[in-house]
Amino acid sequence: MTSDILDESPSAIRARERRRAKRVARDERAERKRAAKNGFSNPANPRRSMTLTLVTGIFALYCLFPFAYLIINATKTQSDFTSTFGLWFGHTFALWDNITTVFTYEDGIFGRWLLNTLLYVVVGAGGATVLAIMGGYALAKFAFPGRKAVFAVVLGSISVPGIALAVPQFLLFAKMGLTNTPWAMILPSLISPFGLYLMWIFSEQAVPTELLEAARVDGAGEFRTFLTISLPLLAPGIVTTALFAIVATWNNYFLPLIMLKDANWYPLTIGLNQWKNQANTAGGHAIQNLVITGSLITVVPLMIAFLILQRYWQSGLAAGAVKE
């Protein structure tokens, strides 16, 4: 039969390929019709649900609506912002002019606020992630007296709202002379009970104890085992903890509101709120177009962080889905 195929003429080969392509297309059409009627039977292609599709579509619109509002109104001048419909563009496309004005208004204070926020995120959220990784891994993989007590303290810390700790933190930092300094933002950000709990639970599931014992038998030290074996396995949990810490620090409003009085140390949240309230002060004028544009610029770094870390985050979504 192989020799018959080799002896076929080019026209016969093309005819046979056309017949095969038609069979494949016919089978695909039949499968699509069956799937549209009955739904897919395997987990990779779940049954379609119009209700679920509608609900998720509405939720997606709800989430994207504020971002669309920012994009549309960031393109308007101040006069267009107050005189045109809020969900459509104005008479003048002023996005680039608004961005330029945002970074030059009041001697470029917005750039200082942006650098302050990056400082608080890199040092505060980064430090909180590192401490959560080390603490969660140690609590998950090492047995020591008082481990259950630490677990109770961590759960208790998670249940206490951050706003309830604001006044004691302010009084403590005032006694230490750290208010109105960057340390008033960085030091509280280093503590993340939820991040510690998350890494604790994730470390227990993601790092097999047998793997650590094998490394110890081979003569690897604890620090080397952590860096070379455990840390790669903890990547999805690390990314999740880092994203929570970054978002919490980036959007932190109440803590800098009570800790900082010098505008040169404001983060973006307090600075933009100051611009928003400028129209209510004596002699102040409204700059809502700059506030909206600054808010749009504030969102962009978070979007970049999520897009960059997304593949690391998704890699751990199926962790634990297969029974060993």
C-alpha atoms as a PDB file:
ATOM      1  CA  MET A   1       0.000   0.000   0.000  1.00  0.00           C
ATOM      2  CA  THR A   2       2.942   2.284   0.681  1.00  0.00           C
ATOM      3  CA  SER A   3       4.226   1.732  -2.835  1.00  0.00           C
ATOM      4  CA  ASP A   4       0.773   2.575  -4.245  1.00  0.00           C
ATOM      5  CA  ILE A   5       0.812   5.891  -2.388  1.00  0.00           C
ATOM      6  CA  LEU A   6       4.298   6.664  -3.647  1.00  0.00           C
ATOM      7  CA  ASP A   7       3.235   5.851  -7.224  1.00  0.00           C
ATOM      8  CA  GLU A   8       0.285   8.279  -7.112  1.00  0.00           C
ATOM      9  CA  SER A   9       0.413  11.244  -9.391  1.00  0.00           C
ATOM     10  CA  PRO A  10       0.463  14.768  -7.957  1.00  0.00           C
ATOM     11  CA  SER A  11      -3.151  15.314  -9.046  1.00  0.00           C
ATOM     12  CA  ALA A  12      -4.271  12.169  -7.249  1.00  0.00           C
ATOM     13  CA  ILE A  13      -2.422  13.230  -4.100  1.00  0.00           C
ATOM     14  CA  ARG A  14      -4.107  16.654  -4.193  1.00  0.00           C
ATOM     15  CA  ALA A  15      -7.513  15.022  -4.708  1.00  0.00           C
ATOM     16  CA  ARG A  16      -6.946  12.702  -1.757  1.00  0.00           C
ATOM     17  CA  GLU A  17      -5.896  15.655   0.449  1.00  0.00           C
ATOM     18  CA  ARG A  18      -9.002  17.578  -0.579  1.00  0.00           C
ATOM     19  CA  ARG A  19     -11.212  14.620   0.347  1.00  0.00           C
ATOM     20  CA  ARG A  20      -9.474  14.339   3.703  1.00  0.00           C
ATOM     21  CA  ALA A  21      -9.882  18.094   4.376  1.00  0.00           C
ATOM     22  CA  LYS A  22     -13.586  17.821   3.541  1.00  0.00           C
ATOM     23  CA  ARG A  23     -14.002  14.925   5.968  1.00  0.00           C
ATOM     24  CA  VAL A  24     -12.246  16.882   8.721  1.00  0.00           C
ATOM     25  CA  ALA A  25     -14.364  19.984   8.056  1.00  0.00           C
ATOM     26  CA  ARG A  26     -17.540  17.880   8.057  1.00  0.00           C
ATOM     27  CA  ASP A  27     -16.612  16.257  11.347  1.00  0.00           C
ATOM     28  CA  GLU A  28     -15.794  19.650  12.881  1.00  0.00           C
ATOM     29  CA  ARG A  29     -19.161  21.077  11.806  1.00  0.00           C
ATOM     30  CA  ALA A  30     -20.946  18.076  13.276  1.00  0.00           C
ATOM     31  CA  GLU A  31     -19.042  18.433  16.551  1.00  0.00           C
ATOM     32  CA  ARG A  32     -19.837  22.157  16.774  1.00  0.00           C
ATOM     33  CA  LYS A  33     -23.530  21.446  16.216  1.00  0.00           C
ATOM     34  CA  ARG A  34     -23.508  18.741  18.853  1.00  0.00           C
ATOM     35  CA  ALA A  35     -21.662  20.970  21.308  1.00  0.00           C
ATOM     36  CA  ALA A  36     -24.045  23.876  20.695  1.00  0.00           C
ATOM     37  CA  LYS A  37     -26.993  21.601  21.422  1.00  0.00           C
ATOM     38  CA  ASN A  38     -25.736  19.423  24.264  1.00  0.00           C
ATOM     39  CA  GLY A  39     -22.596  21.148  25.539  1.00  0.00           C
ATOM     40  CA  PHE A  40     -19.141  19.673  25.856  1.00  0.00           C
ATOM     41  CA  SER A  41     -18.742  16.582  27.976  1.00  0.00           C
ATOM     42  CA  ASN A  42     -15.130  16.998  29.098  1.00  0.00           C
ATOM     43  CA  PRO A  43     -13.911  19.352  31.873  1.00  0.00           C
ATOM     44  CA  ALA A  44     -11.690  21.323  29.484  1.00  0.00           C
ATOM     45  CA  ASN A  45     -14.799  22.407  27.539  1.00  0.00           C
ATOM     46  CA  PRO A  46     -17.608  22.870  30.077  1.00  0.00           C
ATOM     47  CA  ARG A  47     -21.294  23.073  29.234  1.00  0.00           C
ATOM     48  CA  ARG A  48     -22.361  26.504  28.091  1.00  0.00           C
ATOM     49  CA  SER A  49     -24.701  28.524  30.270  1.00  0.00           C
ATOM     50  CA  MET A  50     -26.350  31.667  29.004  1.00  0.00           C
ATOM     51  CA  THR A  51     -27.176  32.757  32.551  1.00  0.00           C
ATOM     52  CA  LEU A  52     -23.576  32.391  33.702  1.00  0.00           C
ATOM     53  CA  THR A  53     -22.314  34.171  30.592  1.00  0.00           C
ATOM     54  CA  LEU A  54     -24.729  37.052  31.206  1.00  0.00           C
ATOM     55  CA  VAL A  55     -23.787  37.349  34.888  1.00  0.00           C
ATOM     56  CA  THR A  56     -20.043  37.325  34.159  1.00  0.00           C
ATOM     57  CA  GLY A  57     -20.548  39.848  31.348  1.00  0.00           C
ATOM     58  CA  ILE A  58     -22.394  42.223  33.687  1.00  0.00           C
ATOM     59  CA  PHE A  59     -19.684  41.797  36.322  1.00  0.00           C
ATOM     60  CA  ALA A  60     -16.992  42.521  33.714  1.00  0.00           C
ATOM     61  CA  LEU A  61     -18.788  45.726  32.674  1.00  0.00           C
ATOM     62  CA  TYR A  62     -19.106  46.710  36.333  1.00  0.00           C
ATOM     63  CA  CYS A  63     -15.352  46.275  36.825  1.00  0.00           C
ATOM     64  CA  LEU A  64     -14.371  48.049  33.602  1.00  0.00           C
ATOM     65  CA  PHE A  65     -16.793  50.980  34.002  1.00  0.00           C
ATOM     66  CA  PRO A  66     -14.557  53.091  36.345  1.00  0.00           C
ATOM     67  CA  PHE A  67     -11.548  52.520  34.098  1.00  0.00           C
ATOM     68  CA  ALA A  68     -13.532  53.576  31.024  1.00  0.00           C
ATOM     69  CA  TYR A  69     -14.678  56.673  32.911  1.00  0.00           C
ATOM     70  CA  LEU A  70     -11.062  57.558  33.692  1.00  0.00           C
ATOM     71  CA  ILE A  71      -9.921  57.114  30.093  1.00  0.00           C
ATOM     72  CA  ILE A  72     -12.776  59.183  28.655  1.00  0.00           C
ATOM     73  CA  ASN A  73     -12.543  62.080  31.104  1.00  0.00           C
ATOM     74  CA  ALA A  74      -8.735  62.188  31.064  1.00  0.00           C
ATOM     75  CA  THR A  75      -9.019  63.398  27.463  1.00  0.00           C
ATOM     76  CA  LYS A  76     -11.082  66.470  28.411  1.00  0.00           C
ATOM     77  CA  THR A  77     -10.159  69.994  29.326  1.00  0.00           C
ATOM     78  CA  GLN A  78     -11.521  71.452  32.553  1.00  0.00           C
ATOM     79  CA  SER A  79     -14.291  73.276  30.692  1.00  0.00           C
ATOM     80  CA  ASP A  80     -15.288  70.130  28.784  1.00  0.00           C
ATOM     81  CA  PHE A  81     -15.242  68.131  32.016  1.00  0.00           C
ATOM     82  CA  THR A  82     -17.886  70.363  33.587  1.00  0.00           C
ATOM     83  CA  SER A  83     -19.990  70.956  30.460  1.00  0.00           C
ATOM     84  CA  THR A  84     -20.112  67.627  28.585  1.00  0.00           C
ATOM     85  CA  PHE A  85     -21.582  64.192  29.251  1.00  0.00           C
ATOM     86  CA  GLY A  86     -19.393  62.206  31.622  1.00  0.00           C
ATOM     87  CA  LEU A  87     -19.391  59.020  29.562  1.00  0.00           C
ATOM     88  CA  TRP A  88     -18.415  60.562  26.249  1.00  0.00           C
ATOM     89  CA  PHE A  89     -15.495  62.567  24.909  1.00  0.00           C
ATOM     90  CA  GLY A  90     -15.384  66.346  24.953  1.00  0.00           C
ATOM     91  CA  HIS A  91     -14.870  68.865  22.189  1.00  0.00           C
ATOM     92  CA  THR A  92     -11.061  68.834  22.557  1.00  0.00           C
ATOM     93  CA  PHE A  93      -8.775  65.801  22.887  1.00  0.00           C
ATOM     94  CA  ALA A  94      -6.461  67.019  25.647  1.00  0.00           C
ATOM     95  CA  LEU A  95      -4.979  63.785  27.026  1.00  0.00           C
ATOM     96  CA  TRP A  96      -1.340  64.627  26.280  1.00  0.00           C
ATOM     97  CA  ASP A  97      -1.773  68.212  27.475  1.00  0.00           C
ATOM     98  CA  ASN A  98      -3.316  66.930  30.704  1.00  0.00           C
ATOM     99  CA  ILE A  99      -0.471  64.456  31.269  1.00  0.00           C
ATOM    100  CA  THR A 100       2.092  67.198  30.720  1.00  0.00           C
ATOM    101  CA  THR A 101       0.251  69.543  33.068  1.00  0.00           C
ATOM    102  CA  VAL A 102      -0.046  66.856  35.752  1.00  0.00           C
ATOM    103  CA  PHE A 103       3.741  66.440  35.865  1.00  0.00           C
ATOM    104  CA  THR A 104       4.433  70.204  35.779  1.00  0.00           C
ATOM    105  CA  TYR A 105       1.655  71.527  38.041  1.00  0.00           C
ATOM    106  CA  GLU A 106       2.914  72.986  41.347  1.00  0.00           C
ATOM    107  CA  ASP A 107       6.560  72.548  40.328  1.00  0.00           C
ATOM    108  CA  GLY A 108       6.102  68.893  39.432  1.00  0.00           C
ATOM    109  CA  ILE A 109       4.891  67.729  42.852  1.00  0.00           C
ATOM    110  CA  PHE A 110       3.019  64.819  41.228  1.00  0.00           C
ATOM    111  CA  GLY A 111       6.327  63.240  40.197  1.00  0.00           C
ATOM    112  CA  ARG A 112       7.502  63.476  43.811  1.00  0.00           C
ATOM    113  CA  TRP A 113       4.302  61.799  44.987  1.00  0.00           C
ATOM    114  CA  LEU A 114       4.805  59.035  42.426  1.00  0.00           C
ATOM    115  CA  LEU A 115       8.375  58.415  43.594  1.00  0.00           C
ATOM    116  CA  ASN A 116       7.216  58.403  47.218  1.00  0.00           C
ATOM    117  CA  THR A 117       4.583  55.782  46.414  1.00  0.00           C
ATOM    118  CA  LEU A 118       7.138  53.649  44.580  1.00  0.00           C
ATOM    119  CA  LEU A 119       9.466  53.926  47.579  1.00  0.00           C
ATOM    120  CA  TYR A 120       6.736  52.810  49.980  1.00  0.00           C
ATOM    121  CA  VAL A 121       5.777  49.919  47.688  1.00  0.00           C
ATOM    122  CA  VAL A 122       9.310  48.682  46.952  1.00  0.00           C
ATOM    123  CA  VAL A 123      10.550  48.872  50.552  1.00  0.00           C
ATOM    124  CA  GLY A 124       7.284  48.330  52.432  1.00  0.00           C
ATOM    125  CA  ALA A 125       5.431  45.823  50.256  1.00  0.00           C
ATOM    126  CA  GLY A 126       8.680  44.162  49.177  1.00  0.00           C
ATOM    127  CA  GLY A 127       9.798  43.775  52.766  1.00  0.00           C
ATOM    128  CA  ALA A 128       6.371  42.475  53.793  1.00  0.00           C
ATOM    129  CA  THR A 129       6.547  39.844  51.047  1.00  0.00           C
ATOM    130  CA  VAL A 130      10.026  38.711  52.083  1.00  0.00           C
ATOM    131  CA  LEU A 131       9.055  38.474  55.751  1.00  0.00           C
ATOM    132  CA  ALA A 132       5.843  36.605  54.868  1.00  0.00           C
ATOM    133  CA  ILE A 133       7.790  34.104  52.744  1.00  0.00           C
ATOM    134  CA  MET A 134      10.365  33.398  55.423  1.00  0.00           C
ATOM    135  CA  GLY A 135       7.887  33.330  58.284  1.00  0.00           C
ATOM    136  CA  GLY A 136       5.270  31.261  56.476  1.00  0.00           C
ATOM    137  CA  TYR A 137       7.833  28.716  55.299  1.00  0.00           C
ATOM    138  CA  ALA A 138       9.339  28.369  58.758  1.00  0.00           C
ATOM    139  CA  LEU A 139       5.949  27.937  60.403  1.00  0.00           C
ATOM    140  CA  ALA A 140       4.904  25.363  57.813  1.00  0.00           C
ATOM    141  CA  LYS A 141       8.045  23.211  57.684  1.00  0.00           C
ATOM    142  CA  PHE A 142       9.620  23.441  61.128  1.00  0.00           C
ATOM    143  CA  ALA A 143       8.154  22.121  64.353  1.00  0.00           C
ATOM    144  CA  PHE A 144       8.850  24.147  67.499  1.00  0.00           C
ATOM    145  CA  PRO A 145       7.133  24.853  70.836  1.00  0.00           C
ATOM    146  CA  GLY A 146       4.436  27.530  70.635  1.00  0.00           C
ATOM    147  CA  ARG A 147       3.604  26.944  66.982  1.00  0.00           C
ATOM    148  CA  LYS A 148      -0.118  26.722  67.676  1.00  0.00           C
ATOM    149  CA  ALA A 149       0.028  29.918  69.713  1.00  0.00           C
ATOM    150  CA  VAL A 150       1.657  31.711  66.800  1.00  0.00           C
ATOM    151  CA  PHE A 151      -1.104  30.399  64.547  1.00  0.00           C
ATOM    152  CA  ALA A 152      -3.748  31.834  66.894  1.00  0.00           C
ATOM    153  CA  VAL A 153      -1.961  35.194  67.008  1.00  0.00           C
ATOM    154  CA  VAL A 154      -1.780  35.354  63.209  1.00  0.00           C
ATOM    155  CA  LEU A 155      -5.488  34.564  62.839  1.00  0.00           C
ATOM    156  CA  GLY A 156      -6.293  37.158  65.480  1.00  0.00           C
ATOM    157  CA  SER A 157      -4.217  39.761  63.662  1.00  0.00           C
ATOM    158  CA  ILE A 158      -6.095  39.089  60.430  1.00  0.00           C
ATOM    159  CA  SER A 159      -9.449  39.597  62.156  1.00  0.00           C
ATOM    160  CA  VAL A 160      -8.494  43.054  63.469  1.00  0.00           C
ATOM    161  CA  PRO A 161      -9.248  45.808  60.909  1.00  0.00           C
ATOM    162  CA  GLY A 162      -6.332  48.052  60.051  1.00  0.00           C
ATOM    163  CA  ILE A 163      -8.272  51.208  60.883  1.00  0.00           C
ATOM    164  CA  ALA A 164      -8.554  50.049  64.511  1.00  0.00           C
ATOM    165  CA  LEU A 165      -4.751  50.086  64.786  1.00  0.00           C
ATOM    166  CA  ALA A 166      -4.289  53.513  63.220  1.00  0.00           C
ATOM    167  CA  VAL A 167      -4.565  55.571  66.414  1.00  0.00           C
ATOM    168  CA  PRO A 168      -2.254  53.305  68.498  1.00  0.00           C
ATOM    169  CA  GLN A 169       0.254  53.325  65.633  1.00  0.00           C
ATOM    170  CA  PHE A 170       0.125  57.115  65.457  1.00  0.00           C
ATOM    171  CA  LEU A 171       0.671  57.491  69.209  1.00  0.00           C
ATOM    172  CA  LEU A 172       3.563  55.000  69.125  1.00  0.00           C
ATOM    173  CA  PHE A 173       5.265  56.684  66.174  1.00  0.00           C
ATOM    174  CA  ALA A 174       4.702  60.114  67.704  1.00  0.00           C
ATOM    175  CA  LYS A 175       6.520  58.974  70.850  1.00  0.00           C
ATOM    176  CA  MET A 176       9.373  57.690  68.696  1.00  0.00           C
ATOM    177  CA  GLY A 177       9.490  60.900  66.642  1.00  0.00           C
ATOM    178  CA  LEU A 178       8.841  59.072  63.344  1.00  0.00           C
ATOM    179  CA  THR A 179       5.644  60.819  62.256  1.00  0.00           C
ATOM    180  CA  ASN A 180       5.895  62.937  59.112  1.00  0.00           C
ATOM    181  CA  THR A 181       8.768  60.765  57.884  1.00  0.00           C
ATOM    182  CA  PRO A 182       8.901  57.929  55.327  1.00  0.00           C
ATOM    183  CA  TRP A 183       9.380  55.428  58.170  1.00  0.00           C
ATOM    184  CA  ALA A 184       5.834  56.132  59.317  1.00  0.00           C
ATOM    185  CA  MET A 185       4.674  54.541  56.051  1.00  0.00           C
ATOM    186  CA  ILE A 186       7.325  51.865  55.594  1.00  0.00           C
ATOM    187  CA  LEU A 187       7.426  50.227  59.038  1.00  0.00           C
ATOM    188  CA  PRO A 188       3.664  49.476  59.318  1.00  0.00           C
ATOM    189  CA  SER A 189       3.665  48.181  55.728  1.00  0.00           C
ATOM    190  CA  LEU A 190       6.269  45.546  56.618  1.00  0.00           C
ATOM    191  CA  ILE A 191       3.712  43.678  58.722  1.00  0.00           C
ATOM    192  CA  SER A 192       1.264  41.589  56.689  1.00  0.00           C
ATOM    193  CA  PRO A 193      -0.604  38.998  58.790  1.00  0.00           C
ATOM    194  CA  PHE A 194      -2.659  37.887  55.799  1.00  0.00           C
ATOM    195  CA  GLY A 195       0.470  37.447  53.682  1.00  0.00           C
ATOM    196  CA  LEU A 196       2.090  35.412  56.470  1.00  0.00           C
ATOM    197  CA  TYR A 197      -0.987  33.201  56.767  1.00  0.00           C
ATOM    198  CA  LEU A 198      -1.205  32.777  52.998  1.00  0.00           C
ATOM    199  CA  MET A 199       2.438  31.714  52.680  1.00  0.00           C
ATOM    200  CA  TRP A 200       2.060  29.416  55.691  1.00  0.00           C
ATOM    201  CA  ILE A 201      -0.846  27.525  54.105  1.00  0.00           C
ATOM    202  CA  PHE A 202       0.704  27.538  50.632  1.00  0.00           C
ATOM    203  CA  SER A 203       4.066  26.273  51.889  1.00  0.00           C
ATOM    204  CA  GLU A 204       2.416  23.305  53.589  1.00  0.00           C
ATOM    205  CA  GLN A 205       0.810  22.211  50.306  1.00  0.00           C
ATOM    206  CA  ALA A 206       3.386  23.243  47.696  1.00  0.00           C
ATOM    207  CA  VAL A 207       6.604  21.942  49.264  1.00  0.00           C
ATOM    208  CA  PRO A 208       6.589  18.172  49.944  1.00  0.00           C
ATOM    209  CA  THR A 209       8.254  17.238  53.205  1.00  0.00           C
ATOM    210  CA  GLU A 210       9.778  14.176  51.520  1.00  0.00           C
ATOM    211  CA  LEU A 211      11.612  16.455  49.084  1.00  0.00           C
ATOM    212  CA  LEU A 212      13.156  18.435  51.940  1.00  0.00           C
ATOM    213  CA  GLU A 213      14.176  15.262  53.737  1.00  0.00           C
ATOM    214  CA  ALA A 214      15.869  13.970  50.584  1.00  0.00           C
ATOM    215  CA  ALA A 215      17.802  17.230  50.274  1.00  0.00           C
ATOM    216  CA  ARG A 216      18.927  16.997  53.903  1.00  0.00           C
ATOM    217  CA  VAL A 217      20.051  13.409  53.391  1.00  0.00           C
ATOM    218  CA  ASP A 218      22.142  14.586  50.425  1.00  0.00           C
ATOM    219  CA  GLY A 219      23.879  17.073  52.712  1.00  0.00           C
ATOM    220  CA  ALA A 220      22.159  20.320  51.650  1.00  0.00           C
ATOM    221  CA  GLY A 221      21.816  22.950  54.347  1.00  0.00           C
ATOM    222  CA  GLU A 222      18.489  24.519  55.252  1.00  0.00           C
ATOM    223  CA  PHE A 223      19.275  27.828  53.583  1.00  0.00           C
ATOM    224  CA  ARG A 224      20.423  26.160  50.357  1.00  0.00           C
ATOM    225  CA  THR A 225      17.385  23.868  50.394  1.00  0.00           C
ATOM    226  CA  PHE A 226      15.122  26.880  50.783  1.00  0.00           C
ATOM    227  CA  LEU A 227      16.720  28.808  47.923  1.00  0.00           C
ATOM    228  CA  THR A 228      17.168  26.013  45.388  1.00  0.00           C
ATOM    229  CA  ILE A 229      14.218  23.710  46.098  1.00  0.00           C
ATOM    230  CA  SER A 230      11.482  25.452  48.074  1.00  0.00           C
ATOM    231  CA  LEU A 231      11.586  28.938  46.587  1.00  0.00           C
ATOM    232  CA  PRO A 232      10.785  27.872  42.979  1.00  0.00           C
ATOM    233  CA  LEU A 233       7.857  25.786  44.234  1.00  0.00           C
ATOM    234  CA  LEU A 234       6.540  28.767  46.190  1.00  0.00           C
ATOM    235  CA  ALA A 235       6.520  31.117  43.162  1.00  0.00           C
ATOM    236  CA  PRO A 236       2.698  31.282  42.717  1.00  0.00           C
ATOM    237  CA  GLY A 237       2.154  31.957  46.416  1.00  0.00           C
ATOM    238  CA  ILE A 238       4.930  34.548  46.454  1.00  0.00           C
ATOM    239  CA  VAL A 239       3.395  36.382  43.514  1.00  0.00           C
ATOM    240  CA  THR A 240      -0.043  36.333  45.133  1.00  0.00           C
ATOM    241  CA  THR A 241       1.332  37.660  48.419  1.00  0.00           C
ATOM    242  CA  ALA A 242       3.333  40.330  46.590  1.00  0.00           C
ATOM    243  CA  LEU A 243       0.307  41.493  44.603  1.00  0.00           C
ATOM    244  CA  PHE A 244      -1.825  41.800  47.735  1.00  0.00           C
ATOM    245  CA  ALA A 245       0.940  43.745  49.491  1.00  0.00           C
ATOM    246  CA  ILE A 246       1.567  46.000  46.485  1.00  0.00           C
ATOM    247  CA  VAL A 247      -2.101  46.875  46.035  1.00  0.00           C
ATOM    248  CA  ALA A 248      -2.613  47.463  49.769  1.00  0.00           C
ATOM    249  CA  THR A 249       0.401  49.780  49.994  1.00  0.00           C
ATOM    250  CA  TRP A 250      -0.291  51.562  46.702  1.00  0.00           C
ATOM    251  CA  ASN A 251      -3.911  52.324  47.651  1.00  0.00           C
ATOM    252  CA  ASN A 252      -3.210  53.062  51.314  1.00  0.00           C
ATOM    253  CA  TYR A 253      -5.042  56.239  52.277  1.00  0.00           C
ATOM    254  CA  PHE A 254      -5.872  56.401  55.967  1.00  0.00           C
ATOM    255  CA  LEU A 255      -2.376  55.666  57.324  1.00  0.00           C
ATOM    256  CA  PRO A 256      -0.577  58.455  55.395  1.00  0.00           C
ATOM    257  CA  LEU A 257      -3.498  60.766  56.117  1.00  0.00           C
ATOM    258  CA  ILE A 258      -2.794  60.667  59.866  1.00  0.00           C
ATOM    259  CA  MET A 259       0.980  60.107  59.727  1.00  0.00           C
ATOM    260  CA  LEU A 260       2.145  62.656  57.129  1.00  0.00           C
ATOM    261  CA  LYS A 261       1.753  66.418  57.127  1.00  0.00           C
ATOM    262  CA  ASP A 262       4.546  67.391  54.737  1.00  0.00           C
ATOM    263  CA  ALA A 263       3.282  67.363  51.132  1.00  0.00           C
ATOM    264  CA  ASN A 264       6.749  66.335  49.955  1.00  0.00           C
ATOM    265  CA  TRP A 265       6.223  62.899  51.565  1.00  0.00           C
ATOM    266  CA  TYR A 266       2.639  62.359  50.398  1.00  0.00           C
ATOM    267  CA  PRO A 267       1.804  59.254  48.371  1.00  0.00           C
ATOM    268  CA  LEU A 268      -0.408  59.550  45.316  1.00  0.00           C
ATOM    269  CA  THR A 269      -3.616  58.849  47.219  1.00  0.00           C
ATOM    270  CA  ILE A 270      -3.231  61.803  49.584  1.00  0.00           C
ATOM    271  CA  GLY A 271      -1.792  64.099  46.921  1.00  0.00           C
ATOM    272  CA  LEU A 272      -4.639  63.558  44.461  1.00  0.00           C
ATOM    273  CA  ASN A 273      -7.175  64.010  47.250  1.00  0.00           C
ATOM    274  CA  GLN A 274      -5.512  67.325  48.088  1.00  0.00           C
ATOM    275  CA  TRP A 275      -5.890  68.421  44.472  1.00  0.00           C
ATOM    276  CA  LYS A 276      -9.537  67.321  44.501  1.00  0.00           C
ATOM    277  CA  ASN A 277     -10.273  69.433  47.570  1.00  0.00           C
ATOM    278  CA  GLN A 278      -8.401  72.437  46.190  1.00  0.00           C
ATOM    279  CA  ALA A 279     -11.579  73.947  44.725  1.00  0.00           C
ATOM    280  CA  ASN A 280     -13.138  74.087  48.209  1.00  0.00           C
ATOM    281  CA  THR A 281     -10.357  76.236  49.671  1.00  0.00           C
ATOM    282  CA  ALA A 282     -10.280  80.012  49.625  1.00  0.00           C
ATOM    283  CA  GLY A 283      -8.835  81.211  46.348  1.00  0.00           C
ATOM    284  CA  GLY A 284      -8.550  77.675  44.975  1.00  0.00           C
ATOM    285  CA  HIS A 285      -9.695  76.654  41.507  1.00  0.00           C
ATOM    286  CA  ALA A 286     -11.058  73.353  40.246  1.00  0.00           C
ATOM    287  CA  ILE A 287      -8.661  71.016  38.435  1.00  0.00           C
ATOM    288  CA  GLN A 288     -10.811  67.914  38.086  1.00  0.00           C
ATOM    289  CA  ASN A 289      -9.257  67.155  34.708  1.00  0.00           C
ATOM    290  CA  LEU A 290      -5.826  66.884  36.355  1.00  0.00           C
ATOM    291  CA  VAL A 291      -7.209  64.743  39.175  1.00  0.00           C
ATOM    292  CA  ILE A 292      -8.783  62.341  36.676  1.00  0.00           C
ATOM    293  CA  THR A 293      -5.623  62.203  34.559  1.00  0.00           C
ATOM    294  CA  GLY A 294      -3.474  61.669  37.645  1.00  0.00           C
ATOM    295  CA  SER A 295      -5.781  58.860  38.753  1.00  0.00           C
ATOM    296  CA  LEU A 296      -5.397  57.209  35.346  1.00  0.00           C
ATOM    297  CA  ILE A 297      -1.613  57.456  35.594  1.00  0.00           C
ATOM    298  CA  THR A 298      -1.818  55.990  39.108  1.00  0.00           C
ATOM    299  CA  VAL A 299      -3.640  52.900  37.813  1.00  0.00           C
ATOM    300  CA  VAL A 300      -1.113  52.154  35.054  1.00  0.00           C
ATOM    301  CA  PRO A 301       1.725  50.788  37.281  1.00  0.00           C
ATOM    302  CA  LEU A 302      -0.680  48.371  38.980  1.00  0.00           C
ATOM    303  CA  MET A 303      -1.898  47.145  35.599  1.00  0.00           C
ATOM    304  CA  ILE A 304       1.691  46.596  34.475  1.00  0.00           C
ATOM    305  CA  ALA A 305       2.465  44.664  37.672  1.00  0.00           C
ATOM    306  CA  PHE A 306      -0.549  42.382  37.191  1.00  0.00           C
ATOM    307  CA  LEU A 307       0.268  41.758  33.529  1.00  0.00           C
ATOM    308  CA  ILE A 308       3.923  40.955  34.254  1.00  0.00           C
ATOM    309  CA  LEU A 309       3.141  38.648  37.183  1.00  0.00           C
ATOM    310  CA  GLN A 310       0.048  37.057  35.646  1.00  0.00           C
ATOM    311  CA  ARG A 311       1.778  34.004  34.198  1.00  0.00           C
ATOM    312  CA  TYR A 312       3.426  33.229  37.546  1.00  0.00           C
ATOM    313  CA  TRP A 313       0.082  33.619  39.275  1.00  0.00           C
ATOM    314  CA  GLN A 314      -1.804  31.388  36.838  1.00  0.00           C
ATOM    315  CA  SER A 315       0.807  28.648  37.112  1.00  0.00           C
ATOM    316  CA  GLY A 316      -0.407  27.887  40.625  1.00  0.00           C
ATOM    317  CA  LEU A 317      -4.143  27.885  39.992  1.00  0.00           C
ATOM    318  CA  ALA A 318      -4.194  24.113  39.455  1.00  0.00           C
ATOM    319  CA  ALA A 319      -1.927  23.350  42.427  1.00  0.00           C
ATOM    320  CA  GLY A 320      -3.471  20.559  44.445  1.00  0.00           C
ATOM    321  CA  ALA A 321      -5.973  19.677  41.708  1.00  0.00           C
ATOM    322  CA  VAL A 322      -4.357  16.248  41.185  1.00  0.00           C
ATOM    323  CA  LYS A 323      -4.468  13.755  44.024  1.00  0.00           C
ATOM    324  CA  GLU A 324      -1.104  12.221  44.776  1.00  0.00           C
END
